[in-house]
Amino acid sequence: MDKLHTMSEKELYRLQIMTQLAERQITQKQAGELLGVSIRQVKRVWRRFKIEGAEGLINKSRGRPSHNRLSEEVKQQALDLILERYRDFGPTLGR
């Protein structure tokens, strides 16, 4: 069964550039300039695009939690400390 994947504007733009690259309308150097990345990065993305197609351009970290996020326990401890010691703290500063 086919999966439906949504792409961000940035990913759609990258697909457009990779398609132009595939049709030899632009060079890797031009693609890098358009995407704002190095030629080395273009080659890496191009290789993944050739193997996986448009799906290869989708960010692999989408939907996953950040590696450097705080655990819920640590967040709650910080909020409890703020509420206990700094009652007059504004909601923007405390969260």
PDB file of N, CA and C in Angstrom:
ATOM      1  N   MET A   1       0.837  -1.186   0.000  1.00  0.00           N
ATOM      2  CA  MET A   1       0.000   0.000   0.000  1.00  0.00           C
ATOM      3  C   MET A   1       0.880   1.246   0.000  1.00  0.00           C
ATOM      4  N   ASP A   2       0.557   2.212  -0.828  1.00  0.00           N
ATOM      5  CA  ASP A   2       1.343   3.433  -0.925  1.00  0.00           C
ATOM      6  C   ASP A   2       1.085   4.321   0.278  1.00  0.00           C
ATOM      7  N   LYS A   3       2.162   4.971   0.734  1.00  0.00           N
ATOM      8  CA  LYS A   3       2.050   5.910   1.841  1.00  0.00           C
ATOM      9  C   LYS A   3       1.944   7.316   1.271  1.00  0.00           C
ATOM     10  N   LEU A   4       1.229   8.166   1.978  1.00  0.00           N
ATOM     11  CA  LEU A   4       1.112   9.561   1.585  1.00  0.00           C
ATOM     12  C   LEU A   4       2.093  10.369   2.425  1.00  0.00           C
ATOM     13  N   HIS A   5       2.988  11.086   1.757  1.00  0.00           N
ATOM     14  CA  HIS A   5       3.966  11.900   2.453  1.00  0.00           C
ATOM     15  C   HIS A   5       3.721  13.360   2.110  1.00  0.00           C
ATOM     16  N   THR A   6       3.736  14.209   3.121  1.00  0.00           N
ATOM     17  CA  THR A   6       3.620  15.635   2.876  1.00  0.00           C
ATOM     18  C   THR A   6       5.009  16.239   2.916  1.00  0.00           C
ATOM     19  N   MET A   7       5.208  17.267   2.127  1.00  0.00           N
ATOM     20  CA  MET A   7       6.493  17.929   2.054  1.00  0.00           C
ATOM     21  C   MET A   7       6.330  19.395   2.425  1.00  0.00           C
ATOM     22  N   SER A   8       7.352  19.921   3.101  1.00  0.00           N
ATOM     23  CA  SER A   8       7.349  21.336   3.441  1.00  0.00           C
ATOM     24  C   SER A   8       7.683  22.147   2.193  1.00  0.00           C
ATOM     25  N   GLU A   9       7.519  23.458   2.277  1.00  0.00           N
ATOM     26  CA  GLU A   9       7.855  24.328   1.155  1.00  0.00           C
ATOM     27  C   GLU A   9       9.327  24.177   0.786  1.00  0.00           C
ATOM     28  N   LYS A  10      10.177  24.080   1.789  1.00  0.00           N
ATOM     29  CA  LYS A  10      11.616  23.933   1.565  1.00  0.00           C
ATOM     30  C   LYS A  10      11.908  22.624   0.830  1.00  0.00           C
ATOM     31  N   GLU A  11      11.250  21.561   1.235  1.00  0.00           N
ATOM     32  CA  GLU A  11      11.451  20.259   0.591  1.00  0.00           C
ATOM     33  C   GLU A  11      10.914  20.261  -0.841  1.00  0.00           C
ATOM     34  N   LEU A  12       9.800  20.939  -1.069  1.00  0.00           N
ATOM     35  CA  LEU A  12       9.256  21.044  -2.424  1.00  0.00           C
ATOM     36  C   LEU A  12      10.204  21.829  -3.326  1.00  0.00           C
ATOM     37  N   TYR A  13      10.797  22.881  -2.779  1.00  0.00           N
ATOM     38  CA  TYR A  13      11.762  23.669  -3.544  1.00  0.00           C
ATOM     39  C   TYR A  13      12.987  22.818  -3.872  1.00  0.00           C
ATOM     40  N   ARG A  14      13.447  22.055  -2.897  1.00  0.00           N
ATOM     41  CA  ARG A  14      14.589  21.167  -3.104  1.00  0.00           C
ATOM     42  C   ARG A  14      14.268  20.130  -4.192  1.00  0.00           C
ATOM     43  N   LEU A  15      13.036  19.620  -4.202  1.00  0.00           N
ATOM     44  CA  LEU A  15      12.604  18.671  -5.239  1.00  0.00           C
ATOM     45  C   LEU A  15      12.649  19.327  -6.611  1.00  0.00           C
ATOM     46  N   GLN A  16      12.186  20.552  -6.678  1.00  0.00           N
ATOM     47  CA  GLN A  16      12.197  21.291  -7.941  1.00  0.00           C
ATOM     48  C   GLN A  16      13.638  21.447  -8.453  1.00  0.00           C
ATOM     49  N   ILE A  17      14.553  21.791  -7.562  1.00  0.00           N
ATOM     50  CA  ILE A  17      15.951  21.968  -7.949  1.00  0.00           C
ATOM     51  C   ILE A  17      16.558  20.634  -8.383  1.00  0.00           C
ATOM     52  N   MET A  18      16.277  19.562  -7.633  1.00  0.00           N
ATOM     53  CA  MET A  18      16.816  18.251  -7.989  1.00  0.00           C
ATOM     54  C   MET A  18      16.265  17.763  -9.331  1.00  0.00           C
ATOM     55  N   THR A  19      15.012  18.107  -9.635  1.00  0.00           N
ATOM     56  CA  THR A  19      14.415  17.749 -10.924  1.00  0.00           C
ATOM     57  C   THR A  19      15.132  18.498 -12.054  1.00  0.00           C
ATOM     58  N   GLN A  20      15.420  19.776 -11.826  1.00  0.00           N
ATOM     59  CA  GLN A  20      16.164  20.546 -12.822  1.00  0.00           C
ATOM     60  C   GLN A  20      17.565  19.968 -13.014  1.00  0.00           C
ATOM     61  N   LEU A  21      18.160  19.525 -11.922  1.00  0.00           N
ATOM     62  CA  LEU A  21      19.480  18.913 -11.980  1.00  0.00           C
ATOM     63  C   LEU A  21      19.421  17.601 -12.773  1.00  0.00           C
ATOM     64  N   ALA A  22      18.385  16.828 -12.556  1.00  0.00           N
ATOM     65  CA  ALA A  22      18.212  15.551 -13.266  1.00  0.00           C
ATOM     66  C   ALA A  22      18.039  15.777 -14.765  1.00  0.00           C
ATOM     67  N   GLU A  23      17.358  16.855 -15.120  1.00  0.00           N
ATOM     68  CA  GLU A  23      17.126  17.174 -16.530  1.00  0.00           C
ATOM     69  C   GLU A  23      18.271  17.970 -17.145  1.00  0.00           C
ATOM     70  N   ARG A  24      19.340  18.151 -16.369  1.00  0.00           N
ATOM     71  CA  ARG A  24      20.551  18.863 -16.795  1.00  0.00           C
ATOM     72  C   ARG A  24      20.274  20.303 -17.214  1.00  0.00           C
ATOM     73  N   GLN A  25      19.276  20.919 -16.563  1.00  0.00           N
ATOM     74  CA  GLN A  25      18.992  22.328 -16.817  1.00  0.00           C
ATOM     75  C   GLN A  25      19.923  23.220 -16.004  1.00  0.00           C
ATOM     76  N   ILE A  26      20.422  22.697 -14.884  1.00  0.00           N
ATOM     77  CA  ILE A  26      21.350  23.434 -14.039  1.00  0.00           C
ATOM     78  C   ILE A  26      22.491  22.501 -13.627  1.00  0.00           C
ATOM     79  N   THR A  27      23.572  23.096 -13.136  1.00  0.00           N
ATOM     80  CA  THR A  27      24.711  22.315 -12.660  1.00  0.00           C
ATOM     81  C   THR A  27      24.604  22.134 -11.147  1.00  0.00           C
ATOM     82  N   GLN A  28      25.461  21.277 -10.603  1.00  0.00           N
ATOM     83  CA  GLN A  28      25.479  21.088  -9.154  1.00  0.00           C
ATOM     84  C   GLN A  28      25.878  22.377  -8.451  1.00  0.00           C
ATOM     85  N   LYS A  29      26.782  23.121  -9.046  1.00  0.00           N
ATOM     86  CA  LYS A  29      27.197  24.399  -8.458  1.00  0.00           C
ATOM     87  C   LYS A  29      26.018  25.368  -8.398  1.00  0.00           C
ATOM     88  N   GLN A  30      25.259  25.449  -9.482  1.00  0.00           N
ATOM     89  CA  GLN A  30      24.086  26.325  -9.502  1.00  0.00           C
ATOM     90  C   GLN A  30      23.038  25.856  -8.495  1.00  0.00           C
ATOM     91  N   ALA A  31      22.863  24.547  -8.394  1.00  0.00           N
ATOM     92  CA  ALA A  31      21.908  23.994  -7.430  1.00  0.00           C
ATOM     93  C   ALA A  31      22.315  24.381  -6.008  1.00  0.00           C
ATOM     94  N   GLY A  32      23.601  24.286  -5.719  1.00  0.00           N
ATOM     95  CA  GLY A  32      24.097  24.670  -4.401  1.00  0.00           C
ATOM     96  C   GLY A  32      23.836  26.133  -4.101  1.00  0.00           C
ATOM     97  N   GLU A  33      24.046  26.976  -5.092  1.00  0.00           N
ATOM     98  CA  GLU A  33      23.793  28.410  -4.909  1.00  0.00           C
ATOM     99  C   GLU A  33      22.309  28.674  -4.671  1.00  0.00           C
ATOM    100  N   LEU A  34      21.454  28.001  -5.428  1.00  0.00           N
ATOM    101  CA  LEU A  34      20.010  28.188  -5.277  1.00  0.00           C
ATOM    102  C   LEU A  34      19.504  27.698  -3.918  1.00  0.00           C
ATOM    103  N   LEU A  35      20.090  26.591  -3.453  1.00  0.00           N
ATOM    104  CA  LEU A  35      19.656  26.010  -2.181  1.00  0.00           C
ATOM    105  C   LEU A  35      20.392  26.609  -0.981  1.00  0.00           C
ATOM    106  N   GLY A  36      21.470  27.319  -1.252  1.00  0.00           N
ATOM    107  CA  GLY A  36      22.241  27.908  -0.165  1.00  0.00           C
ATOM    108  C   GLY A  36      23.084  26.879   0.577  1.00  0.00           C
ATOM    109  N   VAL A  37      23.559  25.850  -0.148  1.00  0.00           N
ATOM    110  CA  VAL A  37      24.394  24.811   0.458  1.00  0.00           C
ATOM    111  C   VAL A  37      25.635  24.603  -0.413  1.00  0.00           C
ATOM    112  N   SER A  38      26.595  23.856   0.112  1.00  0.00           N
ATOM    113  CA  SER A  38      27.831  23.584  -0.624  1.00  0.00           C
ATOM    114  C   SER A  38      27.595  22.527  -1.702  1.00  0.00           C
ATOM    115  N   ILE A  39      28.555  22.435  -2.615  1.00  0.00           N
ATOM    116  CA  ILE A  39      28.476  21.416  -3.665  1.00  0.00           C
ATOM    117  C   ILE A  39      28.498  20.027  -3.037  1.00  0.00           C
ATOM    118  N   ARG A  40      29.279  19.876  -1.970  1.00  0.00           N
ATOM    119  CA  ARG A  40      29.352  18.584  -1.279  1.00  0.00           C
ATOM    120  C   ARG A  40      27.972  18.171  -0.762  1.00  0.00           C
ATOM    121  N   GLN A  41      27.244  19.135  -0.198  1.00  0.00           N
ATOM    122  CA  GLN A  41      25.894  18.863   0.310  1.00  0.00           C
ATOM    123  C   GLN A  41      24.953  18.522  -0.846  1.00  0.00           C
ATOM    124  N   VAL A  42      25.094  19.234  -1.962  1.00  0.00           N
ATOM    125  CA  VAL A  42      24.263  18.957  -3.146  1.00  0.00           C
ATOM    126  C   VAL A  42      24.494  17.528  -3.620  1.00  0.00           C
ATOM    127  N   LYS A  43      25.760  17.098  -3.636  1.00  0.00           N
ATOM    128  CA  LYS A  43      26.073  15.739  -4.076  1.00  0.00           C
ATOM    129  C   LYS A  43      25.444  14.698  -3.155  1.00  0.00           C
ATOM    130  N   ARG A  44      25.457  14.982  -1.861  1.00  0.00           N
ATOM    131  CA  ARG A  44      24.862  14.054  -0.892  1.00  0.00           C
ATOM    132  C   ARG A  44      23.344  13.969  -1.103  1.00  0.00           C
ATOM    133  N   VAL A  45      22.695  15.108  -1.266  1.00  0.00           N
ATOM    134  CA  VAL A  45      21.245  15.140  -1.488  1.00  0.00           C
ATOM    135  C   VAL A  45      20.908  14.507  -2.836  1.00  0.00           C
ATOM    136  N   TRP A  46      21.714  14.786  -3.849  1.00  0.00           N
ATOM    137  CA  TRP A  46      21.494  14.231  -5.185  1.00  0.00           C
ATOM    138  C   TRP A  46      21.561  12.707  -5.171  1.00  0.00           C
ATOM    139  N   ARG A  47      22.554  12.178  -4.448  1.00  0.00           N
ATOM    140  CA  ARG A  47      22.708  10.724  -4.348  1.00  0.00           C
ATOM    141  C   ARG A  47      21.471  10.099  -3.697  1.00  0.00           C
ATOM    142  N   ARG A  48      20.983  10.728  -2.618  1.00  0.00           N
ATOM    143  CA  ARG A  48      19.794  10.210  -1.943  1.00  0.00           C
ATOM    144  C   ARG A  48      18.561  10.345  -2.840  1.00  0.00           C
ATOM    145  N   PHE A  49      18.487  11.428  -3.604  1.00  0.00           N
ATOM    146  CA  PHE A  49      17.369  11.639  -4.524  1.00  0.00           C
ATOM    147  C   PHE A  49      17.354  10.574  -5.616  1.00  0.00           C
ATOM    148  N   LYS A  50      18.520  10.211  -6.142  1.00  0.00           N
ATOM    149  CA  LYS A  50      18.589   9.180  -7.186  1.00  0.00           C
ATOM    150  C   LYS A  50      18.154   7.819  -6.655  1.00  0.00           C
ATOM    151  N   ILE A  51      18.469   7.530  -5.412  1.00  0.00           N
ATOM    152  CA  ILE A  51      18.142   6.228  -4.831  1.00  0.00           C
ATOM    153  C   ILE A  51      16.682   6.156  -4.384  1.00  0.00           C
ATOM    154  N   GLU A  52      16.227   7.166  -3.646  1.00  0.00           N
ATOM    155  CA  GLU A  52      14.895   7.122  -3.023  1.00  0.00           C
ATOM    156  C   GLU A  52      13.848   7.968  -3.719  1.00  0.00           C
ATOM    157  N   GLY A  53      14.239   8.805  -4.647  1.00  0.00           N
ATOM    158  CA  GLY A  53      13.282   9.688  -5.301  1.00  0.00           C
ATOM    159  C   GLY A  53      12.902  10.844  -4.395  1.00  0.00           C
ATOM    160  N   ALA A  54      11.710  11.395  -4.612  1.00  0.00           N
ATOM    161  CA  ALA A  54      11.249  12.553  -3.850  1.00  0.00           C
ATOM    162  C   ALA A  54      11.177  12.245  -2.355  1.00  0.00           C
ATOM    163  N   GLU A  55      10.876  11.019  -2.008  1.00  0.00           N
ATOM    164  CA  GLU A  55      10.783  10.626  -0.605  1.00  0.00           C
ATOM    165  C   GLU A  55      12.119  10.796   0.122  1.00  0.00           C
ATOM    166  N   GLY A  56      13.212  10.702  -0.610  1.00  0.00           N
ATOM    167  CA  GLY A  56      14.535  10.863  -0.020  1.00  0.00           C
ATOM    168  C   GLY A  56      14.836  12.286   0.404  1.00  0.00           C
ATOM    169  N   LEU A  57      14.045  13.234  -0.063  1.00  0.00           N
ATOM    170  CA  LEU A  57      14.265  14.638   0.285  1.00  0.00           C
ATOM    171  C   LEU A  57      13.532  15.044   1.556  1.00  0.00           C
ATOM    172  N   ILE A  58      12.657  14.190   2.044  1.00  0.00           N
ATOM    173  CA  ILE A  58      11.891  14.497   3.253  1.00  0.00           C
ATOM    174  C   ILE A  58      12.783  14.341   4.472  1.00  0.00           C
ATOM    175  N   ASN A  59      12.699  15.294   5.384  1.00  0.00           N
ATOM    176  CA  ASN A  59      13.509  15.276   6.601  1.00  0.00           C
ATOM    177  C   ASN A  59      13.241  14.003   7.398  1.00  0.00           C
ATOM    178  N   LYS A  60      14.289  13.259   7.695  1.00  0.00           N
ATOM    179  CA  LYS A  60      14.152  11.975   8.390  1.00  0.00           C
ATOM    180  C   LYS A  60      13.797  12.139   9.869  1.00  0.00           C
ATOM    181  N   SER A  61      14.029  13.312  10.415  1.00  0.00           N
ATOM    182  CA  SER A  61      13.751  13.540  11.839  1.00  0.00           C
ATOM    183  C   SER A  61      12.318  14.016  12.094  1.00  0.00           C
ATOM    184  N   ARG A  62      11.545  14.148  11.044  1.00  0.00           N
ATOM    185  CA  ARG A  62      10.192  14.667  11.212  1.00  0.00           C
ATOM    186  C   ARG A  62       9.378  13.765  12.132  1.00  0.00           C
ATOM    187  N   GLY A  63       8.725  14.378  13.104  1.00  0.00           N
ATOM    188  CA  GLY A  63       7.865  13.640  14.020  1.00  0.00           C
ATOM    189  C   GLY A  63       8.588  13.038  15.206  1.00  0.00           C
ATOM    190  N   ARG A  64       9.902  13.125  15.229  1.00  0.00           N
ATOM    191  CA  ARG A  64      10.665  12.574  16.349  1.00  0.00           C
ATOM    192  C   ARG A  64      10.992  13.683  17.339  1.00  0.00           C
ATOM    193  N   PRO A  65      11.093  13.335  18.613  1.00  0.00           N
ATOM    194  CA  PRO A  65      11.461  14.358  19.597  1.00  0.00           C
ATOM    195  C   PRO A  65      12.934  14.747  19.463  1.00  0.00           C
ATOM    196  N   SER A  66      13.240  15.961  19.877  1.00  0.00           N
ATOM    197  CA  SER A  66      14.607  16.459  19.828  1.00  0.00           C
ATOM    198  C   SER A  66      15.496  15.668  20.774  1.00  0.00           C
ATOM    199  N   HIS A  67      16.754  15.507  20.406  1.00  0.00           N
ATOM    200  CA  HIS A  67      17.689  14.768  21.245  1.00  0.00           C
ATOM    201  C   HIS A  67      18.087  15.551  22.494  1.00  0.00           C
ATOM    202  N   ASN A  68      18.014  16.853  22.442  1.00  0.00           N
ATOM    203  CA  ASN A  68      18.471  17.657  23.564  1.00  0.00           C
ATOM    204  C   ASN A  68      17.329  18.265  24.392  1.00  0.00           C
ATOM    205  N   ARG A  69      16.159  17.674  24.300  1.00  0.00           N
ATOM    206  CA  ARG A  69      15.037  18.209  25.058  1.00  0.00           C
ATOM    207  C   ARG A  69      15.146  17.799  26.525  1.00  0.00           C
ATOM    208  N   LEU A  70      14.506  18.573  27.372  1.00  0.00           N
ATOM    209  CA  LEU A  70      14.481  18.258  28.797  1.00  0.00           C
ATOM    210  C   LEU A  70      13.400  17.221  29.070  1.00  0.00           C
ATOM    211  N   SER A  71      13.670  16.368  30.032  1.00  0.00           N
ATOM    212  CA  SER A  71      12.658  15.383  30.394  1.00  0.00           C
ATOM    213  C   SER A  71      11.513  16.094  31.117  1.00  0.00           C
ATOM    214  N   GLU A  72      10.360  15.480  31.121  1.00  0.00           N
ATOM    215  CA  GLU A  72       9.201  16.068  31.790  1.00  0.00           C
ATOM    216  C   GLU A  72       9.476  16.264  33.283  1.00  0.00           C
ATOM    217  N   GLU A  73      10.228  15.352  33.870  1.00  0.00           N
ATOM    218  CA  GLU A  73      10.560  15.433  35.295  1.00  0.00           C
ATOM    219  C   GLU A  73      11.374  16.694  35.594  1.00  0.00           C
ATOM    220  N   VAL A  74      12.368  16.979  34.768  1.00  0.00           N
ATOM    221  CA  VAL A  74      13.208  18.165  34.967  1.00  0.00           C
ATOM    222  C   VAL A  74      12.393  19.434  34.748  1.00  0.00           C
ATOM    223  N   LYS A  75      11.538  19.434  33.740  1.00  0.00           N
ATOM    224  CA  LYS A  75      10.671  20.596  33.493  1.00  0.00           C
ATOM    225  C   LYS A  75       9.782  20.877  34.697  1.00  0.00           C
ATOM    226  N   GLN A  76       9.181  19.818  35.232  1.00  0.00           N
ATOM    227  CA  GLN A  76       8.284  19.982  36.367  1.00  0.00           C
ATOM    228  C   GLN A  76       9.032  20.479  37.597  1.00  0.00           C
ATOM    229  N   GLN A  77      10.245  19.980  37.836  1.00  0.00           N
ATOM    230  CA  GLN A  77      11.055  20.444  38.959  1.00  0.00           C
ATOM    231  C   GLN A  77      11.349  21.932  38.828  1.00  0.00           C
ATOM    232  N   ALA A  78      11.682  22.378  37.635  1.00  0.00           N
ATOM    233  CA  ALA A  78      11.979  23.794  37.408  1.00  0.00           C
ATOM    234  C   ALA A  78      10.737  24.649  37.656  1.00  0.00           C
ATOM    235  N   LEU A  79       9.589  24.207  37.145  1.00  0.00           N
ATOM    236  CA  LEU A  79       8.353  24.966  37.353  1.00  0.00           C
ATOM    237  C   LEU A  79       7.970  25.008  38.830  1.00  0.00           C
ATOM    238  N   ASP A  80       8.135  23.894  39.523  1.00  0.00           N
ATOM    239  CA  ASP A  80       7.837  23.869  40.957  1.00  0.00           C
ATOM    240  C   ASP A  80       8.744  24.829  41.716  1.00  0.00           C
ATOM    241  N   LEU A  81      10.013  24.873  41.356  1.00  0.00           N
ATOM    242  CA  LEU A  81      10.974  25.766  41.999  1.00  0.00           C
ATOM    243  C   LEU A  81      10.607  27.228  41.749  1.00  0.00           C
ATOM    244  N   ILE A  82      10.228  27.531  40.532  1.00  0.00           N
ATOM    245  CA  ILE A  82       9.834  28.902  40.193  1.00  0.00           C
ATOM    246  C   ILE A  82       8.593  29.298  40.982  1.00  0.00           C
ATOM    247  N   LEU A  83       7.600  28.421  41.034  1.00  0.00           N
ATOM    248  CA  LEU A  83       6.358  28.733  41.745  1.00  0.00           C
ATOM    249  C   LEU A  83       6.604  28.870  43.247  1.00  0.00           C
ATOM    250  N   GLU A  84       7.533  28.078  43.766  1.00  0.00           N
ATOM    251  CA  GLU A  84       7.820  28.090  45.196  1.00  0.00           C
ATOM    252  C   GLU A  84       8.592  29.342  45.613  1.00  0.00           C
ATOM    253  N   ARG A  85       9.633  29.680  44.869  1.00  0.00           N
ATOM    254  CA  ARG A  85      10.537  30.756  45.288  1.00  0.00           C
ATOM    255  C   ARG A  85      10.292  32.097  44.595  1.00  0.00           C
ATOM    256  N   TYR A  86       9.746  32.085  43.417  1.00  0.00           N
ATOM    257  CA  TYR A  86       9.601  33.313  42.637  1.00  0.00           C
ATOM    258  C   TYR A  86       8.151  33.493  42.209  1.00  0.00           C
ATOM    259  N   ARG A  87       7.280  33.666  43.162  1.00  0.00           N
ATOM    260  CA  ARG A  87       5.848  33.769  42.930  1.00  0.00           C
ATOM    261  C   ARG A  87       5.498  34.921  41.983  1.00  0.00           C
ATOM    262  N   ASP A  88       6.287  36.010  42.023  1.00  0.00           N
ATOM    263  CA  ASP A  88       5.989  37.191  41.212  1.00  0.00           C
ATOM    264  C   ASP A  88       6.591  37.110  39.804  1.00  0.00           C
ATOM    265  N   PHE A  89       7.179  35.984  39.449  1.00  0.00           N
ATOM    266  CA  PHE A  89       7.722  35.772  38.110  1.00  0.00           C
ATOM    267  C   PHE A  89       6.581  35.832  37.105  1.00  0.00           C
ATOM    268  N   GLY A  90       6.776  36.511  35.993  1.00  0.00           N
ATOM    269  CA  GLY A  90       5.753  36.558  34.960  1.00  0.00           C
ATOM    270  C   GLY A  90       5.670  35.225  34.230  1.00  0.00           C
ATOM    271  N   PRO A  91       4.536  34.939  33.605  1.00  0.00           N
ATOM    272  CA  PRO A  91       4.350  33.651  32.934  1.00  0.00           C
ATOM    273  C   PRO A  91       5.335  33.451  31.752  1.00  0.00           C
ATOM    274  N   THR A  92       5.717  34.536  31.111  1.00  0.00           N
ATOM    275  CA  THR A  92       6.660  34.403  30.002  1.00  0.00           C
ATOM    276  C   THR A  92       8.032  33.987  30.488  1.00  0.00           C
ATOM    277  N   LEU A  93       8.472  34.546  31.587  1.00  0.00           N
ATOM    278  CA  LEU A  93       9.800  34.219  32.108  1.00  0.00           C
ATOM    279  C   LEU A  93       9.830  32.852  32.742  1.00  0.00           C
ATOM    280  N   GLY A  94       8.731  32.385  33.274  1.00  0.00           N
ATOM    281  CA  GLY A  94       8.699  31.119  34.005  1.00  0.00           C
ATOM    282  C   GLY A  94       8.481  29.898  33.145  1.00  0.00           C
ATOM    283  N   ARG A  95       8.148  30.054  31.890  1.00  0.00           N
ATOM    284  CA  ARG A  95       7.828  28.870  31.069  1.00  0.00           C
ATOM    285  C   ARG A  95       8.721  28.755  29.902  1.00  0.00           C
TER     286      ARG A  95
END
